[in-house]
Amino acid sequence: AGGLSDKVTYEEVCKGNTGHAEVVRLTFDEKLISFKKILDLFFKMHDPTQKDMQYPDVGTQYRSAIYYCRKEQESVLISSMESYERILAKAGLGDVTTEIKKLERFYFAEDYNIHFLQPFH
């Protein structure tokens, strides 16, 4: 998601010159978990201060990014990011670099790329 091309392959994204980020599409039921709770987990489960990388992966395709679908999610996202940034600042850590944008297009990875999510047999 988040790239410049109308259609892109995983190999093209891996080269780091399409502007796309490798992302996970998340569908959830707000009756079971709130959007805010998901954001709290997002900011805690990776390093949002690393520019264009999530160790050990380096490149623009590995940037911290959230692409939202509904306009009302934007203010919750920004508030959550700012709150987490204050926590990081108090700890003497870097600024949050997470990209927040409205989702324009989402591309599923090719089948060969998503099999690592399946349990090992």
C-alpha atoms as a PDB file:
ATOM      1  CA  ALA A   1       0.000   0.000   0.000  1.00  0.00           C
ATOM      2  CA  GLY A   2       0.971   3.626  -0.191  1.00  0.00           C
ATOM      3  CA  GLY A   3       2.875   3.507  -3.449  1.00  0.00           C
ATOM      4  CA  LEU A   4       2.954   5.387  -6.704  1.00  0.00           C
ATOM      5  CA  SER A   5       2.095   2.635  -9.183  1.00  0.00           C
ATOM      6  CA  ASP A   6      -1.408   1.438 -10.050  1.00  0.00           C
ATOM      7  CA  LYS A   7      -0.251  -2.165 -10.048  1.00  0.00           C
ATOM      8  CA  VAL A   8       2.827  -3.579  -8.427  1.00  0.00           C
ATOM      9  CA  THR A   9       4.406  -6.956  -7.730  1.00  0.00           C
ATOM     10  CA  TYR A  10       6.161  -8.060  -4.568  1.00  0.00           C
ATOM     11  CA  GLU A  11       9.510  -8.135  -6.385  1.00  0.00           C
ATOM     12  CA  GLU A  12       9.042  -4.506  -7.443  1.00  0.00           C
ATOM     13  CA  VAL A  13       8.169  -3.470  -3.885  1.00  0.00           C
ATOM     14  CA  CYS A  14      11.277  -5.274  -2.579  1.00  0.00           C
ATOM     15  CA  LYS A  15      13.472  -3.108  -4.786  1.00  0.00           C
ATOM     16  CA  GLY A  16      12.324  -0.106  -2.733  1.00  0.00           C
ATOM     17  CA  ASN A  17      11.656   2.288  -5.593  1.00  0.00           C
ATOM     18  CA  THR A  18       7.864   2.056  -6.013  1.00  0.00           C
ATOM     19  CA  GLY A  19       6.947   4.020  -2.890  1.00  0.00           C
ATOM     20  CA  HIS A  20       4.933   1.092  -1.531  1.00  0.00           C
ATOM     21  CA  ALA A  21       5.173  -0.226   2.021  1.00  0.00           C
ATOM     22  CA  GLU A  22       4.773  -3.839   3.006  1.00  0.00           C
ATOM     23  CA  VAL A  23       1.604  -3.792   5.100  1.00  0.00           C
ATOM     24  CA  VAL A  24      -0.868  -6.059   6.827  1.00  0.00           C
ATOM     25  CA  ARG A  25      -4.547  -5.620   6.082  1.00  0.00           C
ATOM     26  CA  LEU A  26      -6.430  -5.734   9.362  1.00  0.00           C
ATOM     27  CA  THR A  27     -10.157  -6.359   9.629  1.00  0.00           C
ATOM     28  CA  PHE A  28     -11.640  -6.268  13.110  1.00  0.00           C
ATOM     29  CA  ASP A  29     -14.878  -6.057  15.070  1.00  0.00           C
ATOM     30  CA  GLU A  30     -15.031  -2.929  17.256  1.00  0.00           C
ATOM     31  CA  LYS A  31     -17.369  -4.806  19.593  1.00  0.00           C
ATOM     32  CA  LEU A  32     -14.437  -7.105  20.401  1.00  0.00           C
ATOM     33  CA  ILE A  33     -11.473  -4.718  20.248  1.00  0.00           C
ATOM     34  CA  SER A  34     -11.353  -0.963  19.852  1.00  0.00           C
ATOM     35  CA  PHE A  35      -9.453   0.846  17.140  1.00  0.00           C
ATOM     36  CA  LYS A  36      -7.560   2.700  19.874  1.00  0.00           C
ATOM     37  CA  LYS A  37      -6.441  -0.593  21.463  1.00  0.00           C
ATOM     38  CA  ILE A  38      -5.180  -1.819  18.091  1.00  0.00           C
ATOM     39  CA  LEU A  39      -3.194   1.400  17.704  1.00  0.00           C
ATOM     40  CA  ASP A  40      -1.737   1.028  21.202  1.00  0.00           C
ATOM     41  CA  LEU A  41      -0.554  -2.463  20.260  1.00  0.00           C
ATOM     42  CA  PHE A  42       0.786  -1.243  16.909  1.00  0.00           C
ATOM     43  CA  PHE A  43       2.989   1.403  18.502  1.00  0.00           C
ATOM     44  CA  LYS A  44       4.233  -0.987  21.193  1.00  0.00           C
ATOM     45  CA  MET A  45       4.979  -3.954  18.901  1.00  0.00           C
ATOM     46  CA  HIS A  46       7.468  -2.281  16.587  1.00  0.00           C
ATOM     47  CA  ASP A  47       9.844   0.681  16.624  1.00  0.00           C
ATOM     48  CA  PRO A  48       7.990   3.645  15.081  1.00  0.00           C
ATOM     49  CA  THR A  49      11.105   5.819  15.417  1.00  0.00           C
ATOM     50  CA  GLN A  50      13.118   3.925  12.811  1.00  0.00           C
ATOM     51  CA  LYS A  51      13.028   5.764   9.509  1.00  0.00           C
ATOM     52  CA  ASP A  52      12.571   3.403   6.552  1.00  0.00           C
ATOM     53  CA  MET A  53      13.390   0.236   8.439  1.00  0.00           C
ATOM     54  CA  GLN A  54      12.224  -2.336  10.908  1.00  0.00           C
ATOM     55  CA  TYR A  55      15.358  -4.067  12.032  1.00  0.00           C
ATOM     56  CA  PRO A  56      16.831  -6.032  10.302  1.00  0.00           C
ATOM     57  CA  ASP A  57      14.843  -5.008   7.202  1.00  0.00           C
ATOM     58  CA  VAL A  58      15.972  -1.727   5.641  1.00  0.00           C
ATOM     59  CA  GLY A  59      14.288   0.291   2.896  1.00  0.00           C
ATOM     60  CA  THR A  60      11.297   2.550   2.323  1.00  0.00           C
ATOM     61  CA  GLN A  61       9.061  -0.509   1.948  1.00  0.00           C
ATOM     62  CA  TYR A  62       9.711  -1.291   5.639  1.00  0.00           C
ATOM     63  CA  ARG A  63       8.696   2.111   6.988  1.00  0.00           C
ATOM     64  CA  SER A  64       6.239   2.433   9.843  1.00  0.00           C
ATOM     65  CA  ALA A  65       2.899   3.278   8.240  1.00  0.00           C
ATOM     66  CA  ILE A  66      -0.819   3.172   8.887  1.00  0.00           C
ATOM     67  CA  TYR A  67      -3.275   3.585   6.035  1.00  0.00           C
ATOM     68  CA  TYR A  68      -6.777   4.188   7.314  1.00  0.00           C
ATOM     69  CA  CYS A  69     -10.058   3.591   5.511  1.00  0.00           C
ATOM     70  CA  ARG A  70     -12.588   5.811   7.281  1.00  0.00           C
ATOM     71  CA  LYS A  71     -12.122   9.555   7.784  1.00  0.00           C
ATOM     72  CA  GLU A  72     -13.145   9.318  11.460  1.00  0.00           C
ATOM     73  CA  GLN A  73     -10.136   7.054  12.073  1.00  0.00           C
ATOM     74  CA  GLU A  74      -7.679   9.814  11.170  1.00  0.00           C
ATOM     75  CA  SER A  75      -8.112  11.881  14.354  1.00  0.00           C
ATOM     76  CA  VAL A  76      -7.849   8.749  16.551  1.00  0.00           C
ATOM     77  CA  LEU A  77      -4.668   7.783  14.705  1.00  0.00           C
ATOM     78  CA  ILE A  78      -3.054  11.197  15.092  1.00  0.00           C
ATOM     79  CA  SER A  79      -4.012  11.393  18.767  1.00  0.00           C
ATOM     80  CA  SER A  80      -2.614   7.920  19.444  1.00  0.00           C
ATOM     81  CA  MET A  81       0.623   8.704  17.625  1.00  0.00           C
ATOM     82  CA  GLU A  82       1.077  11.999  19.485  1.00  0.00           C
ATOM     83  CA  SER A  83       0.405  10.305  22.818  1.00  0.00           C
ATOM     84  CA  TYR A  84       2.977   7.607  22.113  1.00  0.00           C
ATOM     85  CA  GLU A  85       5.460  10.210  20.913  1.00  0.00           C
ATOM     86  CA  ARG A  86       5.172  12.016  24.280  1.00  0.00           C
ATOM     87  CA  ILE A  87       5.933   8.739  26.073  1.00  0.00           C
ATOM     88  CA  LEU A  88       8.992   8.192  23.872  1.00  0.00           C
ATOM     89  CA  ALA A  89      10.176  11.769  24.431  1.00  0.00           C
ATOM     90  CA  LYS A  90       9.993  11.333  28.221  1.00  0.00           C
ATOM     91  CA  ALA A  91      12.143   8.240  27.821  1.00  0.00           C
ATOM     92  CA  GLY A  92      14.668  10.181  25.739  1.00  0.00           C
ATOM     93  CA  LEU A  93      13.906   8.250  22.544  1.00  0.00           C
ATOM     94  CA  GLY A  94      13.426   9.525  18.982  1.00  0.00           C
ATOM     95  CA  ASP A  95      10.424  10.999  17.200  1.00  0.00           C
ATOM     96  CA  VAL A  96       7.708   8.805  15.739  1.00  0.00           C
ATOM     97  CA  THR A  97       8.146   8.586  11.960  1.00  0.00           C
ATOM     98  CA  THR A  98       4.949   6.617  11.276  1.00  0.00           C
ATOM     99  CA  GLU A  99       3.299   7.624   8.023  1.00  0.00           C
ATOM    100  CA  ILE A 100      -0.459   8.165   8.403  1.00  0.00           C
ATOM    101  CA  LYS A 101      -2.491   8.418   5.192  1.00  0.00           C
ATOM    102  CA  LYS A 102      -5.841   7.462   3.778  1.00  0.00           C
ATOM    103  CA  LEU A 103      -5.636   4.116   1.994  1.00  0.00           C
ATOM    104  CA  GLU A 104      -5.863   4.603  -1.745  1.00  0.00           C
ATOM    105  CA  ARG A 105      -5.071   1.076  -2.945  1.00  0.00           C
ATOM    106  CA  PHE A 106      -4.172  -2.200  -1.300  1.00  0.00           C
ATOM    107  CA  TYR A 107      -2.476  -5.025  -3.143  1.00  0.00           C
ATOM    108  CA  PHE A 108      -2.448  -8.591  -1.880  1.00  0.00           C
ATOM    109  CA  ALA A 109       0.924 -10.287  -1.959  1.00  0.00           C
ATOM    110  CA  GLU A 110       1.364 -13.112  -4.405  1.00  0.00           C
ATOM    111  CA  ASP A 111       0.564 -16.538  -2.964  1.00  0.00           C
ATOM    112  CA  TYR A 112       4.205 -17.571  -2.704  1.00  0.00           C
ATOM    113  CA  ASN A 113       4.913 -14.610  -0.427  1.00  0.00           C
ATOM    114  CA  ILE A 114       2.126 -15.117   2.113  1.00  0.00           C
ATOM    115  CA  HIS A 115       2.647 -18.786   2.895  1.00  0.00           C
ATOM    116  CA  PHE A 116       5.028 -17.912   5.720  1.00  0.00           C
ATOM    117  CA  LEU A 117       1.944 -16.919   7.723  1.00  0.00           C
ATOM    118  CA  GLN A 118       0.604 -20.452   7.666  1.00  0.00           C
ATOM    119  CA  PRO A 119       1.548 -22.794  10.518  1.00  0.00           C
ATOM    120  CA  PHE A 120       4.423 -25.144   9.885  1.00  0.00           C
ATOM    121  CA  HIS A 121       3.476 -28.803   9.390  1.00  0.00           C
END
